[in-house]
Amino acid sequence: MNAGPVRAETNAGGIVGSIGFELAFDMEDSLNTSELLTLHAEQTLFAVIRACRNSAEVVSRSDAAGGISGRMDAGAAIDCIASGRISAQNGDYAGGIAGLSKGTISRCWSRSG
């Protein structure tokens, strides 16, 4: 549960900022890491956000602001609740549960301004 305001440069989330692969040279996750993998690569990533709640404001100065997760390149958000103001000030992708998602959002509820 989070009830305190969240402010970040990018990938701001009430519970988690970003779910995905991390590259040491790309700390702000500006590269699309899914395109860097070869066709013959095998990968397993377990990342689940379950039964979390955020009632605070979430602000990203650039891209990806979400009540639960700022950016989900993988993984799942299940049974989560988000309320509070969500904004991406100088960028794109703001959403009640996830700002940008390629993962799964299931049985979640959001009421954000």
PDB file of N, CA and C in Angstrom:
ATOM      1  N   MET A   1       0.841  -1.174   0.000  1.00  0.00           N
ATOM      2  CA  MET A   1       0.000   0.000   0.000  1.00  0.00           C
ATOM      3  C   MET A   1       0.886   1.237   0.000  1.00  0.00           C
ATOM      4  N   ASN A   2       0.516   2.228  -0.792  1.00  0.00           N
ATOM      5  CA  ASN A   2       1.223   3.502  -0.811  1.00  0.00           C
ATOM      6  C   ASN A   2       0.220   4.637  -0.670  1.00  0.00           C
ATOM      7  N   ALA A   3       0.522   5.570   0.224  1.00  0.00           N
ATOM      8  CA  ALA A   3      -0.325   6.743   0.412  1.00  0.00           C
ATOM      9  C   ALA A   3       0.472   8.040   0.297  1.00  0.00           C
ATOM     10  N   GLY A   4       1.755   7.942  -0.064  1.00  0.00           N
ATOM     11  CA  GLY A   4       2.605   9.127  -0.190  1.00  0.00           C
ATOM     12  C   GLY A   4       2.825   9.488  -1.648  1.00  0.00           C
ATOM     13  N   PRO A   5       2.918  10.779  -1.964  1.00  0.00           N
ATOM     14  CA  PRO A   5       3.087  11.198  -3.358  1.00  0.00           C
ATOM     15  C   PRO A   5       4.386  10.667  -3.975  1.00  0.00           C
ATOM     16  N   VAL A   6       4.312  10.371  -5.279  1.00  0.00           N
ATOM     17  CA  VAL A   6       5.459   9.849  -6.023  1.00  0.00           C
ATOM     18  C   VAL A   6       5.776  10.814  -7.151  1.00  0.00           C
ATOM     19  N   ARG A   7       7.040  11.241  -7.236  1.00  0.00           N
ATOM     20  CA  ARG A   7       7.505  12.114  -8.311  1.00  0.00           C
ATOM     21  C   ARG A   7       8.809  11.527  -8.854  1.00  0.00           C
ATOM     22  N   ALA A   8       8.886  11.411 -10.183  1.00  0.00           N
ATOM     23  CA  ALA A   8      10.077  10.838 -10.811  1.00  0.00           C
ATOM     24  C   ALA A   8      10.310  11.485 -12.164  1.00  0.00           C
ATOM     25  N   GLU A   9      11.507  11.325 -12.665  1.00  0.00           N
ATOM     26  CA  GLU A   9      11.837  11.843 -14.000  1.00  0.00           C
ATOM     27  C   GLU A   9      11.086  11.064 -15.072  1.00  0.00           C
ATOM     28  N   THR A  10      11.075   9.753 -14.957  1.00  0.00           N
ATOM     29  CA  THR A  10      10.391   8.886 -15.913  1.00  0.00           C
ATOM     30  C   THR A  10       9.972   7.601 -15.200  1.00  0.00           C
ATOM     31  N   ASN A  11       9.005   6.894 -15.750  1.00  0.00           N
ATOM     32  CA  ASN A  11       8.531   5.614 -15.194  1.00  0.00           C
ATOM     33  C   ASN A  11       8.121   5.735 -13.728  1.00  0.00           C
ATOM     34  N   ALA A  12       7.210   6.636 -13.441  1.00  0.00           N
ATOM     35  CA  ALA A  12       6.732   6.847 -12.074  1.00  0.00           C
ATOM     36  C   ALA A  12       5.508   5.973 -11.808  1.00  0.00           C
ATOM     37  N   GLY A  13       5.562   5.201 -10.736  1.00  0.00           N
ATOM     38  CA  GLY A  13       4.437   4.352 -10.378  1.00  0.00           C
ATOM     39  C   GLY A  13       4.170   4.409  -8.888  1.00  0.00           C
ATOM     40  N   GLY A  14       2.909   4.273  -8.512  1.00  0.00           N
ATOM     41  CA  GLY A  14       2.545   4.311  -7.106  1.00  0.00           C
ATOM     42  C   GLY A  14       3.101   3.149  -6.313  1.00  0.00           C
ATOM     43  N   ILE A  15       3.305   2.001  -6.959  1.00  0.00           N
ATOM     44  CA  ILE A  15       3.867   0.825  -6.303  1.00  0.00           C
ATOM     45  C   ILE A  15       5.243   0.495  -6.884  1.00  0.00           C
ATOM     46  N   VAL A  16       5.352   0.436  -8.196  1.00  0.00           N
ATOM     47  CA  VAL A  16       6.618   0.103  -8.860  1.00  0.00           C
ATOM     48  C   VAL A  16       6.815   1.011 -10.071  1.00  0.00           C
ATOM     49  N   GLY A  17       8.048   1.436 -10.296  1.00  0.00           N
ATOM     50  CA  GLY A  17       8.341   2.314 -11.430  1.00  0.00           C
ATOM     51  C   GLY A  17       8.304   1.579 -12.753  1.00  0.00           C
ATOM     52  N   SER A  18       9.084   0.510 -12.868  1.00  0.00           N
ATOM     53  CA  SER A  18       9.207  -0.188 -14.143  1.00  0.00           C
ATOM     54  C   SER A  18       9.396  -1.680 -13.922  1.00  0.00           C
ATOM     55  N   ILE A  19       8.741  -2.483 -14.768  1.00  0.00           N
ATOM     56  CA  ILE A  19       8.937  -3.933 -14.776  1.00  0.00           C
ATOM     57  C   ILE A  19       9.461  -4.286 -16.159  1.00  0.00           C
ATOM     58  N   GLY A  20      10.626  -4.880 -16.212  1.00  0.00           N
ATOM     59  CA  GLY A  20      11.204  -5.279 -17.491  1.00  0.00           C
ATOM     60  C   GLY A  20      12.657  -5.625 -17.314  1.00  0.00           C
ATOM     61  N   PHE A  21      13.341  -5.770 -18.421  1.00  0.00           N
ATOM     62  CA  PHE A  21      14.765  -6.066 -18.399  1.00  0.00           C
ATOM     63  C   PHE A  21      15.531  -4.782 -18.147  1.00  0.00           C
ATOM     64  N   GLU A  22      16.581  -4.870 -17.364  1.00  0.00           N
ATOM     65  CA  GLU A  22      17.369  -3.687 -17.046  1.00  0.00           C
ATOM     66  C   GLU A  22      18.749  -3.810 -17.675  1.00  0.00           C
ATOM     67  N   LEU A  23      19.155  -2.740 -18.337  1.00  0.00           N
ATOM     68  CA  LEU A  23      20.494  -2.672 -18.906  1.00  0.00           C
ATOM     69  C   LEU A  23      21.299  -1.656 -18.124  1.00  0.00           C
ATOM     70  N   ALA A  24      22.502  -2.008 -17.723  1.00  0.00           N
ATOM     71  CA  ALA A  24      23.313  -1.127 -16.887  1.00  0.00           C
ATOM     72  C   ALA A  24      23.602   0.208 -17.552  1.00  0.00           C
ATOM     73  N   PHE A  25      23.694   0.246 -18.886  1.00  0.00           N
ATOM     74  CA  PHE A  25      24.007   1.491 -19.569  1.00  0.00           C
ATOM     75  C   PHE A  25      22.769   2.316 -19.914  1.00  0.00           C
ATOM     76  N   ASP A  26      21.580   1.820 -19.602  1.00  0.00           N
ATOM     77  CA  ASP A  26      20.330   2.510 -19.942  1.00  0.00           C
ATOM     78  C   ASP A  26      19.469   2.640 -18.685  1.00  0.00           C
ATOM     79  N   MET A  27      19.923   3.428 -17.730  1.00  0.00           N
ATOM     80  CA  MET A  27      19.274   3.511 -16.427  1.00  0.00           C
ATOM     81  C   MET A  27      17.852   4.079 -16.492  1.00  0.00           C
ATOM     82  N   GLU A  28      17.546   4.890 -17.489  1.00  0.00           N
ATOM     83  CA  GLU A  28      16.194   5.449 -17.606  1.00  0.00           C
ATOM     84  C   GLU A  28      15.312   4.604 -18.496  1.00  0.00           C
ATOM     85  N   ASP A  29      15.805   3.460 -18.940  1.00  0.00           N
ATOM     86  CA  ASP A  29      15.043   2.517 -19.756  1.00  0.00           C
ATOM     87  C   ASP A  29      14.469   3.182 -20.991  1.00  0.00           C
ATOM     88  N   SER A  30      15.296   3.939 -21.691  1.00  0.00           N
ATOM     89  CA  SER A  30      14.826   4.612 -22.898  1.00  0.00           C
ATOM     90  C   SER A  30      14.895   3.714 -24.123  1.00  0.00           C
ATOM     91  N   LEU A  31      15.624   2.594 -24.025  1.00  0.00           N
ATOM     92  CA  LEU A  31      15.665   1.635 -25.122  1.00  0.00           C
ATOM     93  C   LEU A  31      14.534   0.630 -24.961  1.00  0.00           C
ATOM     94  N   ASN A  32      14.028   0.135 -26.068  1.00  0.00           N
ATOM     95  CA  ASN A  32      13.042  -0.927 -26.021  1.00  0.00           C
ATOM     96  C   ASN A  32      13.810  -2.242 -25.951  1.00  0.00           C
ATOM     97  N   THR A  33      13.972  -2.793 -24.769  1.00  0.00           N
ATOM     98  CA  THR A  33      14.820  -3.974 -24.575  1.00  0.00           C
ATOM     99  C   THR A  33      14.273  -5.210 -25.271  1.00  0.00           C
ATOM    100  N   SER A  34      12.985  -5.302 -25.512  1.00  0.00           N
ATOM    101  CA  SER A  34      12.435  -6.476 -26.184  1.00  0.00           C
ATOM    102  C   SER A  34      12.957  -6.586 -27.614  1.00  0.00           C
ATOM    103  N   GLU A  35      13.333  -5.467 -28.226  1.00  0.00           N
ATOM    104  CA  GLU A  35      13.873  -5.494 -29.584  1.00  0.00           C
ATOM    105  C   GLU A  35      15.352  -5.864 -29.608  1.00  0.00           C
ATOM    106  N   LEU A  36      16.024  -5.874 -28.468  1.00  0.00           N
ATOM    107  CA  LEU A  36      17.439  -6.200 -28.414  1.00  0.00           C
ATOM    108  C   LEU A  36      17.702  -7.701 -28.353  1.00  0.00           C
ATOM    109  N   LEU A  37      16.692  -8.480 -28.043  1.00  0.00           N
ATOM    110  CA  LEU A  37      16.870  -9.922 -27.925  1.00  0.00           C
ATOM    111  C   LEU A  37      16.837 -10.572 -29.306  1.00  0.00           C
ATOM    112  N   THR A  38      17.669 -11.579 -29.505  1.00  0.00           N
ATOM    113  CA  THR A  38      17.677 -12.267 -30.788  1.00  0.00           C
ATOM    114  C   THR A  38      16.467 -13.188 -30.893  1.00  0.00           C
ATOM    115  N   LEU A  39      16.211 -13.637 -32.101  1.00  0.00           N
ATOM    116  CA  LEU A  39      15.071 -14.532 -32.324  1.00  0.00           C
ATOM    117  C   LEU A  39      15.265 -15.878 -31.635  1.00  0.00           C
ATOM    118  N   HIS A  40      16.497 -16.238 -31.331  1.00  0.00           N
ATOM    119  CA  HIS A  40      16.780 -17.541 -30.742  1.00  0.00           C
ATOM    120  C   HIS A  40      16.990 -17.480 -29.233  1.00  0.00           C
ATOM    121  N   ALA A  41      16.760 -16.331 -28.650  1.00  0.00           N
ATOM    122  CA  ALA A  41      16.947 -16.190 -27.203  1.00  0.00           C
ATOM    123  C   ALA A  41      15.763 -16.805 -26.463  1.00  0.00           C
ATOM    124  N   GLU A  42      16.046 -17.384 -25.321  1.00  0.00           N
ATOM    125  CA  GLU A  42      14.989 -17.915 -24.465  1.00  0.00           C
ATOM    126  C   GLU A  42      15.023 -17.136 -23.165  1.00  0.00           C
ATOM    127  N   GLN A  43      13.864 -16.721 -22.697  1.00  0.00           N
ATOM    128  CA  GLN A  43      13.814 -15.883 -21.506  1.00  0.00           C
ATOM    129  C   GLN A  43      12.638 -16.273 -20.626  1.00  0.00           C
ATOM    130  N   THR A  44      12.810 -16.116 -19.343  1.00  0.00           N
ATOM    131  CA  THR A  44      11.731 -16.299 -18.379  1.00  0.00           C
ATOM    132  C   THR A  44      11.797 -15.137 -17.407  1.00  0.00           C
ATOM    133  N   LEU A  45      10.683 -14.441 -17.254  1.00  0.00           N
ATOM    134  CA  LEU A  45      10.621 -13.317 -16.335  1.00  0.00           C
ATOM    135  C   LEU A  45       9.348 -13.457 -15.514  1.00  0.00           C
ATOM    136  N   PHE A  46       9.487 -13.561 -14.204  1.00  0.00           N
ATOM    137  CA  PHE A  46       8.349 -13.632 -13.305  1.00  0.00           C
ATOM    138  C   PHE A  46       8.250 -12.308 -12.570  1.00  0.00           C
ATOM    139  N   ALA A  47       7.219 -11.566 -12.848  1.00  0.00           N
ATOM    140  CA  ALA A  47       7.025 -10.273 -12.195  1.00  0.00           C
ATOM    141  C   ALA A  47       5.527 -10.044 -12.043  1.00  0.00           C
ATOM    142  N   VAL A  48       5.034 -10.159 -10.820  1.00  0.00           N
ATOM    143  CA  VAL A  48       3.607 -10.003 -10.561  1.00  0.00           C
ATOM    144  C   VAL A  48       3.411  -8.981  -9.451  1.00  0.00           C
ATOM    145  N   ILE A  49       2.543  -8.024  -9.701  1.00  0.00           N
ATOM    146  CA  ILE A  49       2.115  -7.069  -8.683  1.00  0.00           C
ATOM    147  C   ILE A  49       0.703  -7.512  -8.309  1.00  0.00           C
ATOM    148  N   ARG A  50       0.510  -7.959  -7.092  1.00  0.00           N
ATOM    149  CA  ARG A  50      -0.797  -8.517  -6.713  1.00  0.00           C
ATOM    150  C   ARG A  50      -1.338  -7.827  -5.467  1.00  0.00           C
ATOM    151  N   ALA A  51      -2.632  -7.466  -5.548  1.00  0.00           N
ATOM    152  CA  ALA A  51      -3.381  -6.922  -4.413  1.00  0.00           C
ATOM    153  C   ALA A  51      -2.696  -5.701  -3.792  1.00  0.00           C
ATOM    154  N   CYS A  52      -2.210  -4.811  -4.634  1.00  0.00           N
ATOM    155  CA  CYS A  52      -1.585  -3.577  -4.151  1.00  0.00           C
ATOM    156  C   CYS A  52      -2.558  -2.415  -4.284  1.00  0.00           C
ATOM    157  N   ARG A  53      -2.322  -1.390  -3.472  1.00  0.00           N
ATOM    158  CA  ARG A  53      -3.208  -0.230  -3.478  1.00  0.00           C
ATOM    159  C   ARG A  53      -2.384   1.048  -3.394  1.00  0.00           C
ATOM    160  N   ASN A  54      -2.725   2.014  -4.251  1.00  0.00           N
ATOM    161  CA  ASN A  54      -2.112   3.335  -4.214  1.00  0.00           C
ATOM    162  C   ASN A  54      -3.215   4.381  -4.169  1.00  0.00           C
ATOM    163  N   SER A  55      -3.118   5.299  -3.206  1.00  0.00           N
ATOM    164  CA  SER A  55      -4.124   6.368  -3.098  1.00  0.00           C
ATOM    165  C   SER A  55      -3.484   7.748  -3.233  1.00  0.00           C
ATOM    166  N   ALA A  56      -2.246   7.799  -3.699  1.00  0.00           N
ATOM    167  CA  ALA A  56      -1.513   9.070  -3.764  1.00  0.00           C
ATOM    168  C   ALA A  56      -1.321   9.557  -5.195  1.00  0.00           C
ATOM    169  N   GLU A  57      -0.903  10.806  -5.302  1.00  0.00           N
ATOM    170  CA  GLU A  57      -0.596  11.407  -6.597  1.00  0.00           C
ATOM    171  C   GLU A  57       0.695  10.809  -7.151  1.00  0.00           C
ATOM    172  N   VAL A  58       0.718  10.570  -8.474  1.00  0.00           N
ATOM    173  CA  VAL A  58       1.908  10.064  -9.161  1.00  0.00           C
ATOM    174  C   VAL A  58       2.211  11.000 -10.322  1.00  0.00           C
ATOM    175  N   VAL A  59       3.434  11.550 -10.349  1.00  0.00           N
ATOM    176  CA  VAL A  59       3.822  12.512 -11.382  1.00  0.00           C
ATOM    177  C   VAL A  59       5.145  12.090 -12.003  1.00  0.00           C
ATOM    178  N   SER A  60       5.159  11.992 -13.336  1.00  0.00           N
ATOM    179  CA  SER A  60       6.387  11.774 -14.085  1.00  0.00           C
ATOM    180  C   SER A  60       6.700  13.063 -14.836  1.00  0.00           C
ATOM    181  N   ARG A  61       7.947  13.521 -14.784  1.00  0.00           N
ATOM    182  CA  ARG A  61       8.316  14.723 -15.536  1.00  0.00           C
ATOM    183  C   ARG A  61       8.333  14.476 -17.037  1.00  0.00           C
ATOM    184  N   SER A  62       8.563  13.234 -17.440  1.00  0.00           N
ATOM    185  CA  SER A  62       8.540  12.928 -18.869  1.00  0.00           C
ATOM    186  C   SER A  62       7.518  11.825 -19.121  1.00  0.00           C
ATOM    187  N   ASP A  63       7.935  10.634 -19.488  1.00  0.00           N
ATOM    188  CA  ASP A  63       7.000   9.581 -19.894  1.00  0.00           C
ATOM    189  C   ASP A  63       6.654   8.601 -18.776  1.00  0.00           C
ATOM    190  N   ALA A  64       5.515   7.954 -18.944  1.00  0.00           N
ATOM    191  CA  ALA A  64       5.075   6.788 -18.183  1.00  0.00           C
ATOM    192  C   ALA A  64       4.802   7.058 -16.703  1.00  0.00           C
ATOM    193  N   ALA A  65       3.561   7.398 -16.413  1.00  0.00           N
ATOM    194  CA  ALA A  65       3.087   7.551 -15.033  1.00  0.00           C
ATOM    195  C   ALA A  65       1.855   6.673 -14.857  1.00  0.00           C
ATOM    196  N   GLY A  66       1.848   5.865 -13.793  1.00  0.00           N
ATOM    197  CA  GLY A  66       0.704   4.999 -13.543  1.00  0.00           C
ATOM    198  C   GLY A  66       0.418   4.864 -12.068  1.00  0.00           C
ATOM    199  N   GLY A  67      -0.834   4.655 -11.738  1.00  0.00           N
ATOM    200  CA  GLY A  67      -1.233   4.522 -10.341  1.00  0.00           C
ATOM    201  C   GLY A  67      -0.575   3.349  -9.641  1.00  0.00           C
ATOM    202  N   ILE A  68      -0.333   2.264 -10.367  1.00  0.00           N
ATOM    203  CA  ILE A  68       0.341   1.097  -9.809  1.00  0.00           C
ATOM    204  C   ILE A  68       1.756   0.980 -10.385  1.00  0.00           C
ATOM    205  N   SER A  69       1.882   0.985 -11.709  1.00  0.00           N
ATOM    206  CA  SER A  69       3.195   0.869 -12.362  1.00  0.00           C
ATOM    207  C   SER A  69       3.338   1.929 -13.451  1.00  0.00           C
ATOM    208  N   GLY A  70       4.505   2.552 -13.510  1.00  0.00           N
ATOM    209  CA  GLY A  70       4.755   3.520 -14.565  1.00  0.00           C
ATOM    210  C   GLY A  70       4.874   2.854 -15.914  1.00  0.00           C
ATOM    211  N   ARG A  71       5.676   1.804 -15.991  1.00  0.00           N
ATOM    212  CA  ARG A  71       5.910   1.102 -17.253  1.00  0.00           C
ATOM    213  C   ARG A  71       6.022  -0.391 -16.989  1.00  0.00           C
ATOM    214  N   MET A  72       5.240  -1.175 -17.748  1.00  0.00           N
ATOM    215  CA  MET A  72       5.268  -2.633 -17.630  1.00  0.00           C
ATOM    216  C   MET A  72       5.620  -3.223 -18.986  1.00  0.00           C
ATOM    217  N   ASP A  73       6.888  -3.512 -19.217  1.00  0.00           N
ATOM    218  CA  ASP A  73       7.281  -4.175 -20.457  1.00  0.00           C
ATOM    219  C   ASP A  73       6.979  -5.670 -20.388  1.00  0.00           C
ATOM    220  N   ALA A  74       6.720  -6.165 -19.211  1.00  0.00           N
ATOM    221  CA  ALA A  74       6.411  -7.571 -18.991  1.00  0.00           C
ATOM    222  C   ALA A  74       5.676  -7.681 -17.665  1.00  0.00           C
ATOM    223  N   GLY A  75       5.263  -8.882 -17.304  1.00  0.00           N
ATOM    224  CA  GLY A  75       4.664  -9.101 -15.997  1.00  0.00           C
ATOM    225  C   GLY A  75       3.164  -8.886 -15.971  1.00  0.00           C
ATOM    226  N   ALA A  76       2.631  -8.808 -14.759  1.00  0.00           N
ATOM    227  CA  ALA A  76       1.189  -8.693 -14.581  1.00  0.00           C
ATOM    228  C   ALA A  76       0.849  -7.880 -13.343  1.00  0.00           C
ATOM    229  N   ALA A  77      -0.240  -7.137 -13.435  1.00  0.00           N
ATOM    230  CA  ALA A  77      -0.842  -6.459 -12.284  1.00  0.00           C
ATOM    231  C   ALA A  77      -2.210  -7.097 -12.082  1.00  0.00           C
ATOM    232  N   ILE A  78      -2.434  -7.662 -10.905  1.00  0.00           N
ATOM    233  CA  ILE A  78      -3.660  -8.419 -10.633  1.00  0.00           C
ATOM    234  C   ILE A  78      -4.265  -7.944  -9.318  1.00  0.00           C
ATOM    235  N   ASP A  79      -5.582  -7.703  -9.311  1.00  0.00           N
ATOM    236  CA  ASP A  79      -6.333  -7.321  -8.108  1.00  0.00           C
ATOM    237  C   ASP A  79      -5.789  -6.057  -7.444  1.00  0.00           C
ATOM    238  N   CYS A  80      -5.419  -5.062  -8.239  1.00  0.00           N
ATOM    239  CA  CYS A  80      -4.864  -3.817  -7.701  1.00  0.00           C
ATOM    240  C   CYS A  80      -5.890  -2.683  -7.773  1.00  0.00           C
ATOM    241  N   ILE A  81      -5.722  -1.702  -6.899  1.00  0.00           N
ATOM    242  CA  ILE A  81      -6.609  -0.538  -6.841  1.00  0.00           C
ATOM    243  C   ILE A  81      -5.761   0.727  -6.829  1.00  0.00           C
ATOM    244  N   ALA A  82      -6.128   1.686  -7.665  1.00  0.00           N
ATOM    245  CA  ALA A  82      -5.408   2.962  -7.706  1.00  0.00           C
ATOM    246  C   ALA A  82      -6.406   4.112  -7.713  1.00  0.00           C
ATOM    247  N   SER A  83      -6.137   5.095  -6.873  1.00  0.00           N
ATOM    248  CA  SER A  83      -6.911   6.336  -6.884  1.00  0.00           C
ATOM    249  C   SER A  83      -5.936   7.465  -6.601  1.00  0.00           C
ATOM    250  N   GLY A  84      -6.180   8.596  -7.149  1.00  0.00           N
ATOM    251  CA  GLY A  84      -5.258   9.713  -7.010  1.00  0.00           C
ATOM    252  C   GLY A  84      -4.916  10.269  -8.372  1.00  0.00           C
ATOM    253  N   ARG A  85      -4.409  11.453  -8.395  1.00  0.00           N
ATOM    254  CA  ARG A  85      -4.074  12.131  -9.643  1.00  0.00           C
ATOM    255  C   ARG A  85      -2.828  11.499 -10.281  1.00  0.00           C
ATOM    256  N   ILE A  86      -2.891  11.250 -11.594  1.00  0.00           N
ATOM    257  CA  ILE A  86      -1.795  10.663 -12.353  1.00  0.00           C
ATOM    258  C   ILE A  86      -1.462  11.603 -13.504  1.00  0.00           C
ATOM    259  N   SER A  87      -0.165  11.962 -13.672  1.00  0.00           N
ATOM    260  CA  SER A  87       0.189  12.836 -14.795  1.00  0.00           C
ATOM    261  C   SER A  87       1.604  12.599 -15.290  1.00  0.00           C
ATOM    262  N   ALA A  88       1.752  12.728 -16.612  1.00  0.00           N
ATOM    263  CA  ALA A  88       3.060  12.738 -17.282  1.00  0.00           C
ATOM    264  C   ALA A  88       3.198  14.162 -17.819  1.00  0.00           C
ATOM    265  N   GLN A  89       3.956  14.996 -17.135  1.00  0.00           N
ATOM    266  CA  GLN A  89       3.961  16.433 -17.396  1.00  0.00           C
ATOM    267  C   GLN A  89       4.437  16.816 -18.789  1.00  0.00           C
ATOM    268  N   ASN A  90       5.582  16.341 -19.216  1.00  0.00           N
ATOM    269  CA  ASN A  90       6.139  16.728 -20.509  1.00  0.00           C
ATOM    270  C   ASN A  90       6.319  15.529 -21.423  1.00  0.00           C
ATOM    271  N   GLY A  91       5.463  14.548 -21.275  1.00  0.00           N
ATOM    272  CA  GLY A  91       5.623  13.330 -22.069  1.00  0.00           C
ATOM    273  C   GLY A  91       4.299  12.654 -22.334  1.00  0.00           C
ATOM    274  N   ASP A  92       4.371  11.380 -22.577  1.00  0.00           N
ATOM    275  CA  ASP A  92       3.204  10.574 -22.937  1.00  0.00           C
ATOM    276  C   ASP A  92       3.024   9.436 -21.941  1.00  0.00           C
ATOM    277  N   TYR A  93       1.933   8.738 -22.081  1.00  0.00           N
ATOM    278  CA  TYR A  93       1.637   7.509 -21.349  1.00  0.00           C
ATOM    279  C   TYR A  93       1.357   7.722 -19.868  1.00  0.00           C
ATOM    280  N   ALA A  94       0.162   8.136 -19.568  1.00  0.00           N
ATOM    281  CA  ALA A  94      -0.314   8.237 -18.190  1.00  0.00           C
ATOM    282  C   ALA A  94      -1.583   7.401 -18.087  1.00  0.00           C
ATOM    283  N   GLY A  95      -1.654   6.550 -17.060  1.00  0.00           N
ATOM    284  CA  GLY A  95      -2.822   5.696 -16.914  1.00  0.00           C
ATOM    285  C   GLY A  95      -3.119   5.378 -15.469  1.00  0.00           C
ATOM    286  N   GLY A  96      -4.344   4.999 -15.203  1.00  0.00           N
ATOM    287  CA  GLY A  96      -4.784   4.715 -13.845  1.00  0.00           C
ATOM    288  C   GLY A  96      -4.055   3.556 -13.195  1.00  0.00           C
ATOM    289  N   ILE A  97      -3.872   2.462 -13.912  1.00  0.00           N
ATOM    290  CA  ILE A  97      -3.127   1.309 -13.386  1.00  0.00           C
ATOM    291  C   ILE A  97      -1.685   1.348 -13.881  1.00  0.00           C
ATOM    292  N   ALA A  98      -1.485   1.421 -15.191  1.00  0.00           N
ATOM    293  CA  ALA A  98      -0.134   1.494 -15.767  1.00  0.00           C
ATOM    294  C   ALA A  98      -0.088   2.607 -16.799  1.00  0.00           C
ATOM    295  N   GLY A  99       1.019   3.333 -16.810  1.00  0.00           N
ATOM    296  CA  GLY A  99       1.193   4.369 -17.824  1.00  0.00           C
ATOM    297  C   GLY A  99       1.382   3.758 -19.194  1.00  0.00           C
ATOM    298  N   LEU A 100       2.237   2.772 -19.297  1.00  0.00           N
ATOM    299  CA  LEU A 100       2.518   2.053 -20.535  1.00  0.00           C
ATOM    300  C   LEU A 100       2.627   0.585 -20.183  1.00  0.00           C
ATOM    301  N   SER A 101       1.850  -0.268 -20.855  1.00  0.00           N
ATOM    302  CA  SER A 101       1.860  -1.681 -20.508  1.00  0.00           C
ATOM    303  C   SER A 101       1.911  -2.576 -21.732  1.00  0.00           C
ATOM    304  N   LYS A 102       2.840  -3.526 -21.704  1.00  0.00           N
ATOM    305  CA  LYS A 102       2.870  -4.632 -22.651  1.00  0.00           C
ATOM    306  C   LYS A 102       2.607  -5.924 -21.887  1.00  0.00           C
ATOM    307  N   GLY A 103       2.368  -5.788 -20.600  1.00  0.00           N
ATOM    308  CA  GLY A 103       2.070  -6.920 -19.730  1.00  0.00           C
ATOM    309  C   GLY A 103       0.570  -7.130 -19.618  1.00  0.00           C
ATOM    310  N   THR A 104       0.161  -7.804 -18.561  1.00  0.00           N
ATOM    311  CA  THR A 104      -1.242  -8.139 -18.332  1.00  0.00           C
ATOM    312  C   THR A 104      -1.781  -7.356 -17.146  1.00  0.00           C
ATOM    313  N   ILE A 105      -2.950  -6.766 -17.329  1.00  0.00           N
ATOM    314  CA  ILE A 105      -3.664  -6.098 -16.236  1.00  0.00           C
ATOM    315  C   ILE A 105      -4.986  -6.826 -16.074  1.00  0.00           C
ATOM    316  N   SER A 106      -5.208  -7.388 -14.887  1.00  0.00           N
ATOM    317  CA  SER A 106      -6.386  -8.216 -14.665  1.00  0.00           C
ATOM    318  C   SER A 106      -7.039  -7.893 -13.329  1.00  0.00           C
ATOM    319  N   ARG A 107      -8.355  -7.760 -13.338  1.00  0.00           N
ATOM    320  CA  ARG A 107      -9.161  -7.525 -12.132  1.00  0.00           C
ATOM    321  C   ARG A 107      -8.663  -6.315 -11.320  1.00  0.00           C
ATOM    322  N   CYS A 108      -8.285  -5.248 -12.010  1.00  0.00           N
ATOM    323  CA  CYS A 108      -7.826  -4.032 -11.349  1.00  0.00           C
ATOM    324  C   CYS A 108      -8.878  -2.947 -11.455  1.00  0.00           C
ATOM    325  N   TRP A 109      -8.800  -1.957 -10.571  1.00  0.00           N
ATOM    326  CA  TRP A 109      -9.757  -0.870 -10.521  1.00  0.00           C
ATOM    327  C   TRP A 109      -8.990   0.431 -10.345  1.00  0.00           C
ATOM    328  N   SER A 110      -9.447   1.468 -11.077  1.00  0.00           N
ATOM    329  CA  SER A 110      -8.788   2.763 -10.941  1.00  0.00           C
ATOM    330  C   SER A 110      -9.818   3.879 -11.038  1.00  0.00           C
ATOM    331  N   ARG A 111      -9.614   4.870 -10.209  1.00  0.00           N
ATOM    332  CA  ARG A 111     -10.384   6.114 -10.300  1.00  0.00           C
ATOM    333  C   ARG A 111      -9.375   7.222 -10.056  1.00  0.00           C
ATOM    334  N   SER A 112      -8.887   7.773 -11.139  1.00  0.00           N
ATOM    335  CA  SER A 112      -7.822   8.768 -11.067  1.00  0.00           C
ATOM    336  C   SER A 112      -8.244  10.028 -11.795  1.00  0.00           C
ATOM    337  N   GLY A 113      -7.660  11.145 -11.338  1.00  0.00           N
ATOM    338  CA  GLY A 113      -7.981  12.410 -11.977  1.00  0.00           C
ATOM    339  C   GLY A 113      -6.844  12.910 -12.822  1.00  0.00           C
TER     340      GLY A 113
END
